[in-house]
Amino acid sequence: MRADDDAELRAFVESRRTALFRSAYLLCGDRHEAEDLVQSALVKVVLGGRRHGRLDNIEAYARKTLVNTFIAGRRRFWRRERAYGELPDRPGNTADTDTG
């Protein structure tokens, strides 16, 4: 990768990070998750730019990467797990407790 391309990526990250954060916040609704999402997407953009050489439309590539990273994170199994406030008194299926 040329130094010009690296400087272009650096300038893009510095200038568009806030706009990408806003988009990420609209996607997930949580400030901390949005910050993590932007960080992950920008790492992928920088690595993709280095791997593919010059990117024709870095803004579009970054936004698509942001959305794809968000969707991939939502597909993970652990994201579907929900914590309960209290544990049940006894193990087993609580739906079968009615012996009526």
PDB file of N, CA and C in Angstrom:
ATOM      1  N   MET A   1       0.842  -1.168   0.000  1.00  0.00           N
ATOM      2  CA  MET A   1       0.000   0.000   0.000  1.00  0.00           C
ATOM      3  C   MET A   1       0.889   1.233   0.000  1.00  0.00           C
ATOM      4  N   ARG A   2       0.493   2.183  -0.803  1.00  0.00           N
ATOM      5  CA  ARG A   2       1.261   3.418  -0.885  1.00  0.00           C
ATOM      6  C   ARG A   2       0.991   4.302   0.327  1.00  0.00           C
ATOM      7  N   ALA A   3       1.920   5.191   0.599  1.00  0.00           N
ATOM      8  CA  ALA A   3       1.769   6.109   1.730  1.00  0.00           C
ATOM      9  C   ALA A   3       0.592   7.052   1.505  1.00  0.00           C
ATOM     10  N   ASP A   4       0.309   7.396   0.237  1.00  0.00           N
ATOM     11  CA  ASP A   4      -0.836   8.259  -0.072  1.00  0.00           C
ATOM     12  C   ASP A   4      -2.147   7.588   0.313  1.00  0.00           C
ATOM     13  N   ASP A   5      -2.253   6.298   0.022  1.00  0.00           N
ATOM     14  CA  ASP A   5      -3.470   5.560   0.368  1.00  0.00           C
ATOM     15  C   ASP A   5      -3.641   5.466   1.877  1.00  0.00           C
ATOM     16  N   ASP A   6      -2.544   5.244   2.580  1.00  0.00           N
ATOM     17  CA  ASP A   6      -2.594   5.168   4.033  1.00  0.00           C
ATOM     18  C   ASP A   6      -3.014   6.515   4.632  1.00  0.00           C
ATOM     19  N   ALA A   7      -2.488   7.591   4.075  1.00  0.00           N
ATOM     20  CA  ALA A   7      -2.855   8.926   4.544  1.00  0.00           C
ATOM     21  C   ALA A   7      -4.318   9.218   4.235  1.00  0.00           C
ATOM     22  N   GLU A   8      -4.802   8.744   3.100  1.00  0.00           N
ATOM     23  CA  GLU A   8      -6.211   8.930   2.737  1.00  0.00           C
ATOM     24  C   GLU A   8      -7.124   8.185   3.712  1.00  0.00           C
ATOM     25  N   LEU A   9      -6.760   6.964   4.067  1.00  0.00           N
ATOM     26  CA  LEU A   9      -7.541   6.204   5.047  1.00  0.00           C
ATOM     27  C   LEU A   9      -7.537   6.900   6.409  1.00  0.00           C
ATOM     28  N   ARG A  10      -6.389   7.392   6.824  1.00  0.00           N
ATOM     29  CA  ARG A  10      -6.284   8.086   8.104  1.00  0.00           C
ATOM     30  C   ARG A  10      -7.150   9.347   8.109  1.00  0.00           C
ATOM     31  N   ALA A  11      -7.113  10.096   7.034  1.00  0.00           N
ATOM     32  CA  ALA A  11      -7.926  11.315   6.937  1.00  0.00           C
ATOM     33  C   ALA A  11      -9.412  10.973   6.944  1.00  0.00           C
ATOM     34  N   PHE A  12      -9.773   9.888   6.272  1.00  0.00           N
ATOM     35  CA  PHE A  12     -11.172   9.470   6.265  1.00  0.00           C
ATOM     36  C   PHE A  12     -11.636   9.116   7.670  1.00  0.00           C
ATOM     37  N   VAL A  13     -10.853   8.332   8.380  1.00  0.00           N
ATOM     38  CA  VAL A  13     -11.217   7.921   9.742  1.00  0.00           C
ATOM     39  C   VAL A  13     -11.392   9.137  10.638  1.00  0.00           C
ATOM     40  N   GLU A  14     -10.481  10.088  10.549  1.00  0.00           N
ATOM     41  CA  GLU A  14     -10.560  11.278  11.392  1.00  0.00           C
ATOM     42  C   GLU A  14     -11.764  12.149  11.051  1.00  0.00           C
ATOM     43  N   SER A  15     -12.099  12.245   9.779  1.00  0.00           N
ATOM     44  CA  SER A  15     -13.175  13.155   9.380  1.00  0.00           C
ATOM     45  C   SER A  15     -14.565  12.537   9.467  1.00  0.00           C
ATOM     46  N   ARG A  16     -14.690  11.229   9.324  1.00  0.00           N
ATOM     47  CA  ARG A  16     -16.014  10.603   9.234  1.00  0.00           C
ATOM     48  C   ARG A  16     -16.379   9.754  10.441  1.00  0.00           C
ATOM     49  N   ARG A  17     -15.530   9.694  11.430  1.00  0.00           N
ATOM     50  CA  ARG A  17     -15.791   8.856  12.601  1.00  0.00           C
ATOM     51  C   ARG A  17     -17.079   9.270  13.319  1.00  0.00           C
ATOM     52  N   THR A  18     -17.316  10.555  13.477  1.00  0.00           N
ATOM     53  CA  THR A  18     -18.522  11.034  14.163  1.00  0.00           C
ATOM     54  C   THR A  18     -19.779  10.675  13.385  1.00  0.00           C
ATOM     55  N   ALA A  19     -19.746  10.845  12.079  1.00  0.00           N
ATOM     56  CA  ALA A  19     -20.909  10.495  11.256  1.00  0.00           C
ATOM     57  C   ALA A  19     -21.183   8.995  11.309  1.00  0.00           C
ATOM     58  N   LEU A  20     -20.136   8.193  11.308  1.00  0.00           N
ATOM     59  CA  LEU A  20     -20.319   6.743  11.418  1.00  0.00           C
ATOM     60  C   LEU A  20     -20.864   6.364  12.791  1.00  0.00           C
ATOM     61  N   PHE A  21     -20.432   7.092  13.825  1.00  0.00           N
ATOM     62  CA  PHE A  21     -20.955   6.838  15.162  1.00  0.00           C
ATOM     63  C   PHE A  21     -22.458   7.113  15.209  1.00  0.00           C
ATOM     64  N   ARG A  22     -22.881   8.201  14.594  1.00  0.00           N
ATOM     65  CA  ARG A  22     -24.318   8.516  14.566  1.00  0.00           C
ATOM     66  C   ARG A  22     -25.110   7.408  13.888  1.00  0.00           C
ATOM     67  N   SER A  23     -24.602   6.927  12.775  1.00  0.00           N
ATOM     68  CA  SER A  23     -25.277   5.832  12.075  1.00  0.00           C
ATOM     69  C   SER A  23     -25.312   4.572  12.927  1.00  0.00           C
ATOM     70  N   ALA A  24     -24.206   4.284  13.590  1.00  0.00           N
ATOM     71  CA  ALA A  24     -24.140   3.101  14.443  1.00  0.00           C
ATOM     72  C   ALA A  24     -25.112   3.217  15.615  1.00  0.00           C
ATOM     73  N   TYR A  25     -25.235   4.418  16.172  1.00  0.00           N
ATOM     74  CA  TYR A  25     -26.161   4.617  17.279  1.00  0.00           C
ATOM     75  C   TYR A  25     -27.603   4.415  16.821  1.00  0.00           C
ATOM     76  N   LEU A  26     -27.920   4.868  15.624  1.00  0.00           N
ATOM     77  CA  LEU A  26     -29.260   4.648  15.080  1.00  0.00           C
ATOM     78  C   LEU A  26     -29.535   3.159  14.875  1.00  0.00           C
ATOM     79  N   LEU A  27     -28.509   2.394  14.537  1.00  0.00           N
ATOM     80  CA  LEU A  27     -28.682   0.957  14.348  1.00  0.00           C
ATOM     81  C   LEU A  27     -28.923   0.229  15.668  1.00  0.00           C
ATOM     82  N   CYS A  28     -28.120   0.512  16.673  1.00  0.00           N
ATOM     83  CA  CYS A  28     -28.169  -0.304  17.890  1.00  0.00           C
ATOM     84  C   CYS A  28     -28.812   0.388  19.085  1.00  0.00           C
ATOM     85  N   GLY A  29     -28.868   1.715  19.132  1.00  0.00           N
ATOM     86  CA  GLY A  29     -29.533   2.413  20.213  1.00  0.00           C
ATOM     87  C   GLY A  29     -28.768   2.462  21.523  1.00  0.00           C
ATOM     88  N   ASP A  30     -27.510   2.106  21.525  1.00  0.00           N
ATOM     89  CA  ASP A  30     -26.705   2.111  22.733  1.00  0.00           C
ATOM     90  C   ASP A  30     -25.356   2.752  22.431  1.00  0.00           C
ATOM     91  N   ARG A  31     -24.967   3.725  23.245  1.00  0.00           N
ATOM     92  CA  ARG A  31     -23.740   4.481  22.987  1.00  0.00           C
ATOM     93  C   ARG A  31     -22.499   3.586  22.981  1.00  0.00           C
ATOM     94  N   HIS A  32     -22.382   2.731  23.969  1.00  0.00           N
ATOM     95  CA  HIS A  32     -21.188   1.889  24.078  1.00  0.00           C
ATOM     96  C   HIS A  32     -21.133   0.852  22.958  1.00  0.00           C
ATOM     97  N   GLU A  33     -22.267   0.277  22.641  1.00  0.00           N
ATOM     98  CA  GLU A  33     -22.305  -0.687  21.538  1.00  0.00           C
ATOM     99  C   GLU A  33     -21.994   0.008  20.214  1.00  0.00           C
ATOM    100  N   ALA A  34     -22.476   1.249  20.059  1.00  0.00           N
ATOM    101  CA  ALA A  34     -22.203   2.005  18.836  1.00  0.00           C
ATOM    102  C   ALA A  34     -20.710   2.311  18.703  1.00  0.00           C
ATOM    103  N   GLU A  35     -20.068   2.657  19.808  1.00  0.00           N
ATOM    104  CA  GLU A  35     -18.622   2.916  19.775  1.00  0.00           C
ATOM    105  C   GLU A  35     -17.857   1.660  19.376  1.00  0.00           C
ATOM    106  N   ASP A  36     -18.249   0.519  19.940  1.00  0.00           N
ATOM    107  CA  ASP A  36     -17.608  -0.753  19.579  1.00  0.00           C
ATOM    108  C   ASP A  36     -17.850  -1.096  18.116  1.00  0.00           C
ATOM    109  N   LEU A  37     -19.054  -0.838  17.654  1.00  0.00           N
ATOM    110  CA  LEU A  37     -19.412  -1.132  16.266  1.00  0.00           C
ATOM    111  C   LEU A  37     -18.582  -0.293  15.296  1.00  0.00           C
ATOM    112  N   VAL A  38     -18.448   0.990  15.584  1.00  0.00           N
ATOM    113  CA  VAL A  38     -17.638   1.866  14.728  1.00  0.00           C
ATOM    114  C   VAL A  38     -16.183   1.416  14.734  1.00  0.00           C
ATOM    115  N   GLN A  39     -15.676   1.086  15.906  1.00  0.00           N
ATOM    116  CA  GLN A  39     -14.283   0.636  16.005  1.00  0.00           C
ATOM    117  C   GLN A  39     -14.058  -0.620  15.172  1.00  0.00           C
ATOM    118  N   SER A  40     -14.948  -1.590  15.294  1.00  0.00           N
ATOM    119  CA  SER A  40     -14.815  -2.834  14.522  1.00  0.00           C
ATOM    120  C   SER A  40     -14.912  -2.571  13.024  1.00  0.00           C
ATOM    121  N   ALA A  41     -15.857  -1.735  12.636  1.00  0.00           N
ATOM    122  CA  ALA A  41     -16.033  -1.437  11.213  1.00  0.00           C
ATOM    123  C   ALA A  41     -14.823  -0.709  10.648  1.00  0.00           C
ATOM    124  N   LEU A  42     -14.276   0.249  11.404  1.00  0.00           N
ATOM    125  CA  LEU A  42     -13.120   0.990  10.903  1.00  0.00           C
ATOM    126  C   LEU A  42     -11.879   0.115  10.788  1.00  0.00           C
ATOM    127  N   VAL A  43     -11.726  -0.830  11.697  1.00  0.00           N
ATOM    128  CA  VAL A  43     -10.613  -1.774  11.576  1.00  0.00           C
ATOM    129  C   VAL A  43     -10.762  -2.566  10.279  1.00  0.00           C
ATOM    130  N   LYS A  44     -11.974  -3.017   9.999  1.00  0.00           N
ATOM    131  CA  LYS A  44     -12.214  -3.764   8.756  1.00  0.00           C
ATOM    132  C   LYS A  44     -11.998  -2.895   7.524  1.00  0.00           C
ATOM    133  N   VAL A  45     -12.375  -1.629   7.599  1.00  0.00           N
ATOM    134  CA  VAL A  45     -12.173  -0.714   6.469  1.00  0.00           C
ATOM    135  C   VAL A  45     -10.683  -0.509   6.211  1.00  0.00           C
ATOM    136  N   VAL A  46      -9.919  -0.267   7.262  1.00  0.00           N
ATOM    137  CA  VAL A  46      -8.480  -0.052   7.097  1.00  0.00           C
ATOM    138  C   VAL A  46      -7.814  -1.313   6.557  1.00  0.00           C
ATOM    139  N   LEU A  47      -8.153  -2.463   7.125  1.00  0.00           N
ATOM    140  CA  LEU A  47      -7.554  -3.708   6.630  1.00  0.00           C
ATOM    141  C   LEU A  47      -8.000  -4.015   5.205  1.00  0.00           C
ATOM    142  N   GLY A  48      -9.260  -3.733   4.900  1.00  0.00           N
ATOM    143  CA  GLY A  48      -9.753  -3.934   3.542  1.00  0.00           C
ATOM    144  C   GLY A  48      -9.086  -2.998   2.556  1.00  0.00           C
ATOM    145  N   GLY A  49      -8.864  -1.762   2.971  1.00  0.00           N
ATOM    146  CA  GLY A  49      -8.175  -0.813   2.107  1.00  0.00           C
ATOM    147  C   GLY A  49      -6.741  -1.226   1.832  1.00  0.00           C
ATOM    148  N   ARG A  50      -6.105  -1.770   2.821  1.00  0.00           N
ATOM    149  CA  ARG A  50      -4.727  -2.239   2.638  1.00  0.00           C
ATOM    150  C   ARG A  50      -4.677  -3.498   1.795  1.00  0.00           C
ATOM    151  N   ARG A  51      -5.677  -4.358   1.948  1.00  0.00           N
ATOM    152  CA  ARG A  51      -5.705  -5.614   1.216  1.00  0.00           C
ATOM    153  C   ARG A  51      -6.071  -5.389  -0.254  1.00  0.00           C
ATOM    154  N   HIS A  52      -7.042  -4.537  -0.509  1.00  0.00           N
ATOM    155  CA  HIS A  52      -7.543  -4.343  -1.868  1.00  0.00           C
ATOM    156  C   HIS A  52      -6.866  -3.195  -2.604  1.00  0.00           C
ATOM    157  N   GLY A  53      -6.032  -2.460  -1.922  1.00  0.00           N
ATOM    158  CA  GLY A  53      -5.436  -1.295  -2.562  1.00  0.00           C
ATOM    159  C   GLY A  53      -6.371  -0.105  -2.461  1.00  0.00           C
ATOM    160  N   ARG A  54      -6.393   0.696  -3.442  1.00  0.00           N
ATOM    161  CA  ARG A  54      -7.210   1.913  -3.422  1.00  0.00           C
ATOM    162  C   ARG A  54      -8.688   1.560  -3.516  1.00  0.00           C
ATOM    163  N   LEU A  55      -9.485   2.116  -2.595  1.00  0.00           N
ATOM    164  CA  LEU A  55     -10.931   1.937  -2.610  1.00  0.00           C
ATOM    165  C   LEU A  55     -11.552   3.107  -3.368  1.00  0.00           C
ATOM    166  N   ASP A  56     -12.435   2.807  -4.315  1.00  0.00           N
ATOM    167  CA  ASP A  56     -13.040   3.863  -5.128  1.00  0.00           C
ATOM    168  C   ASP A  56     -13.952   4.760  -4.302  1.00  0.00           C
ATOM    169  N   ASN A  57     -14.796   4.173  -3.470  1.00  0.00           N
ATOM    170  CA  ASN A  57     -15.724   4.957  -2.656  1.00  0.00           C
ATOM    171  C   ASN A  57     -15.614   4.472  -1.218  1.00  0.00           C
ATOM    172  N   ILE A  58     -14.705   5.062  -0.501  1.00  0.00           N
ATOM    173  CA  ILE A  58     -14.424   4.609   0.864  1.00  0.00           C
ATOM    174  C   ILE A  58     -15.604   4.859   1.795  1.00  0.00           C
ATOM    175  N   GLU A  59     -16.373   5.932   1.552  1.00  0.00           N
ATOM    176  CA  GLU A  59     -17.547   6.225   2.382  1.00  0.00           C
ATOM    177  C   GLU A  59     -18.583   5.103   2.266  1.00  0.00           C
ATOM    178  N   ALA A  60     -18.888   4.693   1.055  1.00  0.00           N
ATOM    179  CA  ALA A  60     -19.860   3.621   0.844  1.00  0.00           C
ATOM    180  C   ALA A  60     -19.350   2.303   1.426  1.00  0.00           C
ATOM    181  N   TYR A  61     -18.071   2.031   1.244  1.00  0.00           N
ATOM    182  CA  TYR A  61     -17.474   0.810   1.784  1.00  0.00           C
ATOM    183  C   TYR A  61     -17.562   0.790   3.309  1.00  0.00           C
ATOM    184  N   ALA A  62     -17.305   1.937   3.929  1.00  0.00           N
ATOM    185  CA  ALA A  62     -17.344   2.024   5.395  1.00  0.00           C
ATOM    186  C   ALA A  62     -18.768   1.841   5.910  1.00  0.00           C
ATOM    187  N   ARG A  63     -19.734   2.460   5.278  1.00  0.00           N
ATOM    188  CA  ARG A  63     -21.128   2.330   5.726  1.00  0.00           C
ATOM    189  C   ARG A  63     -21.646   0.917   5.541  1.00  0.00           C
ATOM    190  N   LYS A  64     -21.298   0.298   4.423  1.00  0.00           N
ATOM    191  CA  LYS A  64     -21.723  -1.082   4.195  1.00  0.00           C
ATOM    192  C   LYS A  64     -21.064  -2.010   5.217  1.00  0.00           C
ATOM    193  N   THR A  65     -19.804  -1.768   5.499  1.00  0.00           N
ATOM    194  CA  THR A  65     -19.101  -2.561   6.508  1.00  0.00           C
ATOM    195  C   THR A  65     -19.723  -2.375   7.880  1.00  0.00           C
ATOM    196  N   LEU A  66     -20.123  -1.154   8.209  1.00  0.00           N
ATOM    197  CA  LEU A  66     -20.773  -0.866   9.486  1.00  0.00           C
ATOM    198  C   LEU A  66     -22.069  -1.660   9.628  1.00  0.00           C
ATOM    199  N   VAL A  67     -22.899  -1.625   8.611  1.00  0.00           N
ATOM    200  CA  VAL A  67     -24.179  -2.346   8.652  1.00  0.00           C
ATOM    201  C   VAL A  67     -23.947  -3.855   8.688  1.00  0.00           C
ATOM    202  N   ASN A  68     -23.037  -4.352   7.883  1.00  0.00           N
ATOM    203  CA  ASN A  68     -22.769  -5.794   7.867  1.00  0.00           C
ATOM    204  C   ASN A  68     -22.204  -6.277   9.202  1.00  0.00           C
ATOM    205  N   THR A  69     -21.368  -5.468   9.827  1.00  0.00           N
ATOM    206  CA  THR A  69     -20.815  -5.827  11.135  1.00  0.00           C
ATOM    207  C   THR A  69     -21.921  -5.858  12.187  1.00  0.00           C
ATOM    208  N   PHE A  70     -22.844  -4.901  12.116  1.00  0.00           N
ATOM    209  CA  PHE A  70     -23.981  -4.872  13.034  1.00  0.00           C
ATOM    210  C   PHE A  70     -24.849  -6.122  12.863  1.00  0.00           C
ATOM    211  N   ILE A  71     -25.171  -6.455  11.631  1.00  0.00           N
ATOM    212  CA  ILE A  71     -26.023  -7.621  11.359  1.00  0.00           C
ATOM    213  C   ILE A  71     -25.335  -8.903  11.814  1.00  0.00           C
ATOM    214  N   ALA A  72     -24.051  -9.028  11.539  1.00  0.00           N
ATOM    215  CA  ALA A  72     -23.316 -10.224  11.955  1.00  0.00           C
ATOM    216  C   ALA A  72     -23.304 -10.359  13.473  1.00  0.00           C
ATOM    217  N   GLY A  73     -23.191  -9.249  14.174  1.00  0.00           N
ATOM    218  CA  GLY A  73     -23.205  -9.285  15.634  1.00  0.00           C
ATOM    219  C   GLY A  73     -24.553  -9.711  16.180  1.00  0.00           C
ATOM    220  N   ARG A  74     -25.622  -9.335  15.518  1.00  0.00           N
ATOM    221  CA  ARG A  74     -26.969  -9.706  15.965  1.00  0.00           C
ATOM    222  C   ARG A  74     -27.274 -11.176  15.710  1.00  0.00           C
ATOM    223  N   ARG A  75     -26.584 -11.769  14.784  1.00  0.00           N
ATOM    224  CA  ARG A  75     -26.814 -13.183  14.457  1.00  0.00           C
ATOM    225  C   ARG A  75     -26.159 -14.133  15.451  1.00  0.00           C
ATOM    226  N   ARG A  76     -25.207 -13.653  16.197  1.00  0.00           N
ATOM    227  CA  ARG A  76     -24.497 -14.519  17.129  1.00  0.00           C
ATOM    228  C   ARG A  76     -25.439 -15.062  18.192  1.00  0.00           C
ATOM    229  N   PHE A  77     -25.223 -16.287  18.566  1.00  0.00           N
ATOM    230  CA  PHE A  77     -26.094 -16.983  19.509  1.00  0.00           C
ATOM    231  C   PHE A  77     -26.156 -16.266  20.854  1.00  0.00           C
ATOM    232  N   TRP A  78     -25.026 -15.815  21.364  1.00  0.00           N
ATOM    233  CA  TRP A  78     -25.010 -15.230  22.702  1.00  0.00           C
ATOM    234  C   TRP A  78     -25.812 -13.943  22.770  1.00  0.00           C
ATOM    235  N   ARG A  79     -26.069 -13.303  21.639  1.00  0.00           N
ATOM    236  CA  ARG A  79     -26.877 -12.088  21.654  1.00  0.00           C
ATOM    237  C   ARG A  79     -28.347 -12.406  21.922  1.00  0.00           C
ATOM    238  N   ARG A  80     -28.767 -13.652  21.677  1.00  0.00           N
ATOM    239  CA  ARG A  80     -30.160 -14.033  21.875  1.00  0.00           C
ATOM    240  C   ARG A  80     -30.433 -14.499  23.299  1.00  0.00           C
ATOM    241  N   GLU A  81     -29.401 -14.740  24.066  1.00  0.00           N
ATOM    242  CA  GLU A  81     -29.596 -15.173  25.440  1.00  0.00           C
ATOM    243  C   GLU A  81     -30.063 -14.003  26.289  1.00  0.00           C
ATOM    244  N   ARG A  82     -30.939 -14.280  27.211  1.00  0.00           N
ATOM    245  CA  ARG A  82     -31.445 -13.246  28.112  1.00  0.00           C
ATOM    246  C   ARG A  82     -31.184 -13.665  29.548  1.00  0.00           C
ATOM    247  N   ALA A  83     -30.678 -12.745  30.340  1.00  0.00           N
ATOM    248  CA  ALA A  83     -30.431 -13.019  31.750  1.00  0.00           C
ATOM    249  C   ALA A  83     -31.719 -12.778  32.527  1.00  0.00           C
ATOM    250  N   TYR A  84     -31.984 -13.613  33.506  1.00  0.00           N
ATOM    251  CA  TYR A  84     -33.146 -13.463  34.365  1.00  0.00           C
ATOM    252  C   TYR A  84     -32.728 -12.806  35.664  1.00  0.00           C
ATOM    253  N   GLY A  85     -33.636 -12.080  36.265  1.00  0.00           N
ATOM    254  CA  GLY A  85     -33.347 -11.395  37.518  1.00  0.00           C
ATOM    255  C   GLY A  85     -33.126 -12.364  38.664  1.00  0.00           C
ATOM    256  N   GLU A  86     -33.907 -13.437  38.697  1.00  0.00           N
ATOM    257  CA  GLU A  86     -33.801 -14.415  39.772  1.00  0.00           C
ATOM    258  C   GLU A  86     -33.793 -15.819  39.184  1.00  0.00           C
ATOM    259  N   LEU A  87     -33.113 -16.697  39.858  1.00  0.00           N
ATOM    260  CA  LEU A  87     -33.107 -18.095  39.446  1.00  0.00           C
ATOM    261  C   LEU A  87     -34.356 -18.783  39.990  1.00  0.00           C
ATOM    262  N   PRO A  88     -34.875 -19.790  39.291  1.00  0.00           N
ATOM    263  CA  PRO A  88     -36.031 -20.504  39.820  1.00  0.00           C
ATOM    264  C   PRO A  88     -35.663 -21.277  41.083  1.00  0.00           C
ATOM    265  N   ASP A  89     -36.657 -21.574  41.931  1.00  0.00           N
ATOM    266  CA  ASP A  89     -36.414 -22.308  43.174  1.00  0.00           C
ATOM    267  C   ASP A  89     -35.932 -23.725  42.920  1.00  0.00           C
ATOM    268  N   ARG A  90     -36.452 -24.329  41.890  1.00  0.00           N
ATOM    269  CA  ARG A  90     -36.024 -25.696  41.582  1.00  0.00           C
ATOM    270  C   ARG A  90     -35.764 -25.824  40.083  1.00  0.00           C
ATOM    271  N   PRO A  91     -34.888 -26.734  39.696  1.00  0.00           N
ATOM    272  CA  PRO A  91     -34.589 -26.880  38.277  1.00  0.00           C
ATOM    273  C   PRO A  91     -35.756 -27.531  37.546  1.00  0.00           C
ATOM    274  N   GLY A  92     -35.753 -27.357  36.255  1.00  0.00           N
ATOM    275  CA  GLY A  92     -36.786 -27.977  35.436  1.00  0.00           C
ATOM    276  C   GLY A  92     -37.568 -26.948  34.675  1.00  0.00           C
ATOM    277  N   ASN A  93     -38.470 -27.423  33.901  1.00  0.00           N
ATOM    278  CA  ASN A  93     -39.296 -26.556  33.082  1.00  0.00           C
ATOM    279  C   ASN A  93     -40.385 -25.931  33.930  1.00  0.00           C
ATOM    280  N   THR A  94     -40.427 -24.615  34.022  1.00  0.00           N
ATOM    281  CA  THR A  94     -41.402 -23.948  34.861  1.00  0.00           C
ATOM    282  C   THR A  94     -42.800 -23.989  34.247  1.00  0.00           C
ATOM    283  N   ALA A  95     -42.911 -24.285  32.953  1.00  0.00           N
ATOM    284  CA  ALA A  95     -44.220 -24.358  32.296  1.00  0.00           C
ATOM    285  C   ALA A  95     -44.969 -25.622  32.701  1.00  0.00           C
ATOM    286  N   ASP A  96     -44.262 -26.652  33.171  1.00  0.00           N
ATOM    287  CA  ASP A  96     -44.873 -27.909  33.545  1.00  0.00           C
ATOM    288  C   ASP A  96     -45.250 -27.971  35.024  1.00  0.00           C
ATOM    289  N   THR A  97     -45.204 -26.861  35.747  1.00  0.00           N
ATOM    290  CA  THR A  97     -45.476 -26.882  37.180  1.00  0.00           C
ATOM    291  C   THR A  97     -46.963 -27.013  37.479  1.00  0.00           C
ATOM    292  N   ASP A  98     -47.814 -26.706  36.512  1.00  0.00           N
ATOM    293  CA  ASP A  98     -49.257 -26.819  36.718  1.00  0.00           C
ATOM    294  C   ASP A  98     -49.651 -28.300  36.594  1.00  0.00           C
ATOM    295  N   THR A  99     -50.079 -28.929  37.683  1.00  0.00           N
ATOM    296  CA  THR A  99     -50.407 -30.350  37.666  1.00  0.00           C
ATOM    297  C   THR A  99     -51.905 -30.575  37.601  1.00  0.00           C
ATOM    298  N   GLY A 100     -52.714 -29.469  37.452  1.00  0.00           N
ATOM    299  CA  GLY A 100     -54.137 -29.421  37.468  1.00  0.00           C
ATOM    300  C   GLY A 100     -54.846 -30.446  36.768  1.00  0.00           C
TER     301      GLY A 100
END
